[in-house]
Amino acid sequence: MKLTLLVLLTLTTAVFVGCDKEKAAIEATKDATQKDLNQRKVDVDAAAKDAKKQTDVNAAIDKAKIEAAKESAQAQLDADKKKVDAEAKAEKAKVDAQKK
C-alpha cells in the first residue's frame, strides 16, 4: 500500500511538473508575443509621426510654390497693366498729333 501510494504520489508530481513546464512555456510565448506587439505599436507610432512631419514639409513646399506662382502672376499682370497704360498714352498722343 505504501508503495502504491508512493508511485501514485510520484506520478502526480510528474504530471504537475509537466503542467508547470507547459504553463511556463505558454506564459513565455505570451510574453514574447506581447513584447513583439508592443514593439510593433512603437514602430507604427514612429512611422505615423514621421509621416506627419513629412506631410508638414510637403505642405510648406506646396504653399511656397503657390505663393511664388501668385507673385509671378501678379508681376505679369502689373507688367500687362503698364503696357496697356503705355499703349493708351501713345494712342492719345497720336490722336493729339493728328489734330494739330
C-alpha atoms as a PDB file:
ATOM      1  CA  MET A   1       0.000   0.000   0.000  1.00  0.00           C
ATOM      2  CA  LYS A   2       2.819   2.385   0.829  1.00  0.00           C
ATOM      3  CA  LEU A   3       4.473   1.515  -2.460  1.00  0.00           C
ATOM      4  CA  THR A   4       1.265   2.193  -4.390  1.00  0.00           C
ATOM      5  CA  LEU A   5       0.853   5.478  -2.580  1.00  0.00           C
ATOM      6  CA  LEU A   6       4.458   6.419  -3.314  1.00  0.00           C
ATOM      7  CA  VAL A   7       4.069   5.565  -7.008  1.00  0.00           C
ATOM      8  CA  LEU A   8       0.811   7.493  -7.185  1.00  0.00           C
ATOM      9  CA  LEU A   9       2.392  10.485  -5.469  1.00  0.00           C
ATOM     10  CA  THR A  10       5.376  10.346  -7.845  1.00  0.00           C
ATOM     11  CA  LEU A  11       3.126  10.203 -10.913  1.00  0.00           C
ATOM     12  CA  THR A  12       1.018  13.074  -9.619  1.00  0.00           C
ATOM     13  CA  THR A  13       4.135  15.150  -9.001  1.00  0.00           C
ATOM     14  CA  ALA A  14       5.413  14.377 -12.509  1.00  0.00           C
ATOM     15  CA  VAL A  15       2.084  15.429 -14.014  1.00  0.00           C
ATOM     16  CA  PHE A  16       2.113  18.703 -12.081  1.00  0.00           C
ATOM     17  CA  VAL A  17       5.741  19.375 -13.013  1.00  0.00           C
ATOM     18  CA  GLY A  18       4.880  18.687 -16.656  1.00  0.00           C
ATOM     19  CA  CYS A  19       1.885  21.010 -16.420  1.00  0.00           C
ATOM     20  CA  ASP A  20       4.016  23.704 -14.828  1.00  0.00           C
ATOM     21  CA  LYS A  21       6.525  23.432 -17.686  1.00  0.00           C
ATOM     22  CA  GLU A  22       3.716  23.705 -20.240  1.00  0.00           C
ATOM     23  CA  LYS A  23       2.241  26.665 -18.406  1.00  0.00           C
ATOM     24  CA  ALA A  24       5.654  28.315 -18.241  1.00  0.00           C
ATOM     25  CA  ALA A  25       6.131  27.756 -21.963  1.00  0.00           C
ATOM     26  CA  ILE A  26       2.692  29.199 -22.700  1.00  0.00           C
ATOM     27  CA  GLU A  27       3.447  32.204 -20.490  1.00  0.00           C
ATOM     28  CA  ALA A  28       6.821  32.715 -22.195  1.00  0.00           C
ATOM     29  CA  THR A  29       5.167  32.581 -25.618  1.00  0.00           C
ATOM     30  CA  LYS A  30       2.501  35.041 -24.485  1.00  0.00           C
ATOM     31  CA  ASP A  31       5.150  37.402 -23.095  1.00  0.00           C
ATOM     32  CA  ALA A  32       7.215  37.234 -26.289  1.00  0.00           C
ATOM     33  CA  THR A  33       4.128  37.875 -28.424  1.00  0.00           C
ATOM     34  CA  GLN A  34       3.086  40.832 -26.285  1.00  0.00           C
ATOM     35  CA  LYS A  35       6.609  42.242 -26.413  1.00  0.00           C
ATOM     36  CA  ASP A  36       6.577  41.912 -30.209  1.00  0.00           C
ATOM     37  CA  LEU A  37       3.160  43.586 -30.430  1.00  0.00           C
ATOM     38  CA  ASN A  38       4.287  46.428 -28.180  1.00  0.00           C
ATOM     39  CA  GLN A  39       7.357  46.974 -30.371  1.00  0.00           C
ATOM     40  CA  ARG A  40       5.183  46.986 -33.476  1.00  0.00           C
ATOM     41  CA  LYS A  41       2.964  49.585 -31.802  1.00  0.00           C
ATOM     42  CA  VAL A  42       6.004  51.754 -31.135  1.00  0.00           C
ATOM     43  CA  ASP A  43       7.117  51.297 -34.755  1.00  0.00           C
ATOM     44  CA  VAL A  44       3.661  52.276 -36.053  1.00  0.00           C
ATOM     45  CA  ASP A  45       3.629  55.365 -33.830  1.00  0.00           C
ATOM     46  CA  ALA A  46       7.094  56.356 -35.060  1.00  0.00           C
ATOM     47  CA  ALA A  47       6.090  55.836 -38.700  1.00  0.00           C
ATOM     48  CA  ALA A  48       2.965  57.939 -38.209  1.00  0.00           C
ATOM     49  CA  LYS A  49       4.998  60.698 -36.556  1.00  0.00           C
ATOM     50  CA  ASP A  50       7.475  60.677 -39.453  1.00  0.00           C
ATOM     51  CA  ALA A  51       4.634  60.716 -41.986  1.00  0.00           C
ATOM     52  CA  LYS A  52       3.070  63.723 -40.237  1.00  0.00           C
ATOM     53  CA  LYS A  53       6.400  65.578 -40.305  1.00  0.00           C
ATOM     54  CA  GLN A  54       6.821  64.806 -43.994  1.00  0.00           C
ATOM     55  CA  THR A  55       3.267  65.980 -44.661  1.00  0.00           C
ATOM     56  CA  ASP A  56       4.052  69.261 -42.907  1.00  0.00           C
ATOM     57  CA  VAL A  57       7.200  69.673 -45.005  1.00  0.00           C
ATOM     58  CA  ASN A  58       5.289  68.909 -48.202  1.00  0.00           C
ATOM     59  CA  ALA A  59       2.572  71.378 -47.227  1.00  0.00           C
ATOM     60  CA  ALA A  60       5.154  74.097 -46.634  1.00  0.00           C
ATOM     61  CA  ILE A  61       6.710  73.391 -50.036  1.00  0.00           C
ATOM     62  CA  ASP A  62       3.307  73.471 -51.727  1.00  0.00           C
ATOM     63  CA  LYS A  63       2.436  76.757 -50.006  1.00  0.00           C
ATOM     64  CA  ALA A  64       5.736  78.277 -51.137  1.00  0.00           C
ATOM     65  CA  LYS A  65       5.091  77.148 -54.726  1.00  0.00           C
ATOM     66  CA  ILE A  66       1.584  78.630 -54.630  1.00  0.00           C
ATOM     67  CA  GLU A  67       2.914  81.911 -53.227  1.00  0.00           C
ATOM     68  CA  ALA A  68       5.634  82.058 -55.909  1.00  0.00           C
ATOM     69  CA  ALA A  69       3.080  81.386 -58.655  1.00  0.00           C
ATOM     70  CA  LYS A  70       0.822  84.115 -57.239  1.00  0.00           C
ATOM     71  CA  GLU A  71       3.669  86.627 -57.141  1.00  0.00           C
ATOM     72  CA  SER A  72       4.704  85.706 -60.666  1.00  0.00           C
ATOM     73  CA  ALA A  73       1.140  86.100 -61.955  1.00  0.00           C
ATOM     74  CA  GLN A  74       0.763  89.419 -60.161  1.00  0.00           C
ATOM     75  CA  ALA A  75       4.048  90.672 -61.616  1.00  0.00           C
ATOM     76  CA  GLN A  76       2.892  89.667 -65.098  1.00  0.00           C
ATOM     77  CA  LEU A  77      -0.445  91.423 -64.556  1.00  0.00           C
ATOM     78  CA  ASP A  78       1.349  94.560 -63.337  1.00  0.00           C
ATOM     79  CA  ALA A  79       3.550  94.485 -66.449  1.00  0.00           C
ATOM     80  CA  ASP A  80       0.500  93.995 -68.678  1.00  0.00           C
ATOM     81  CA  LYS A  81      -1.227  96.910 -66.962  1.00  0.00           C
ATOM     82  CA  LYS A  82       1.777  99.180 -67.560  1.00  0.00           C
ATOM     83  CA  LYS A  83       1.875  98.045 -71.191  1.00  0.00           C
ATOM     84  CA  VAL A  84      -1.824  98.861 -71.652  1.00  0.00           C
ATOM     85  CA  ASP A  85      -1.311 102.258 -69.985  1.00  0.00           C
ATOM     86  CA  ALA A  86       1.681 102.996 -72.249  1.00  0.00           C
ATOM     87  CA  GLU A  87      -0.219 101.916 -75.364  1.00  0.00           C
ATOM     88  CA  ALA A  88      -3.197 104.082 -74.398  1.00  0.00           C
ATOM     89  CA  LYS A  89      -0.907 107.039 -73.755  1.00  0.00           C
ATOM     90  CA  ALA A  90       0.742 106.527 -77.159  1.00  0.00           C
ATOM     91  CA  GLU A  91      -2.647 106.343 -78.886  1.00  0.00           C
ATOM     92  CA  LYS A  92      -3.772 109.544 -77.157  1.00  0.00           C
ATOM     93  CA  ALA A  93      -0.572 111.281 -78.228  1.00  0.00           C
ATOM     94  CA  LYS A  94      -1.146 110.082 -81.773  1.00  0.00           C
ATOM     95  CA  VAL A  95      -4.706 111.491 -81.748  1.00  0.00           C
ATOM     96  CA  ASP A  96      -3.435 114.793 -80.330  1.00  0.00           C
ATOM     97  CA  ALA A  97      -0.741 114.952 -83.014  1.00  0.00           C
ATOM     98  CA  GLN A  98      -3.285 114.377 -85.786  1.00  0.00           C
ATOM     99  CA  LYS A  99      -5.479 117.214 -84.533  1.00  0.00           C
ATOM    100  CA  LYS A 100      -2.668 119.750 -84.875  1.00  0.00           C
END
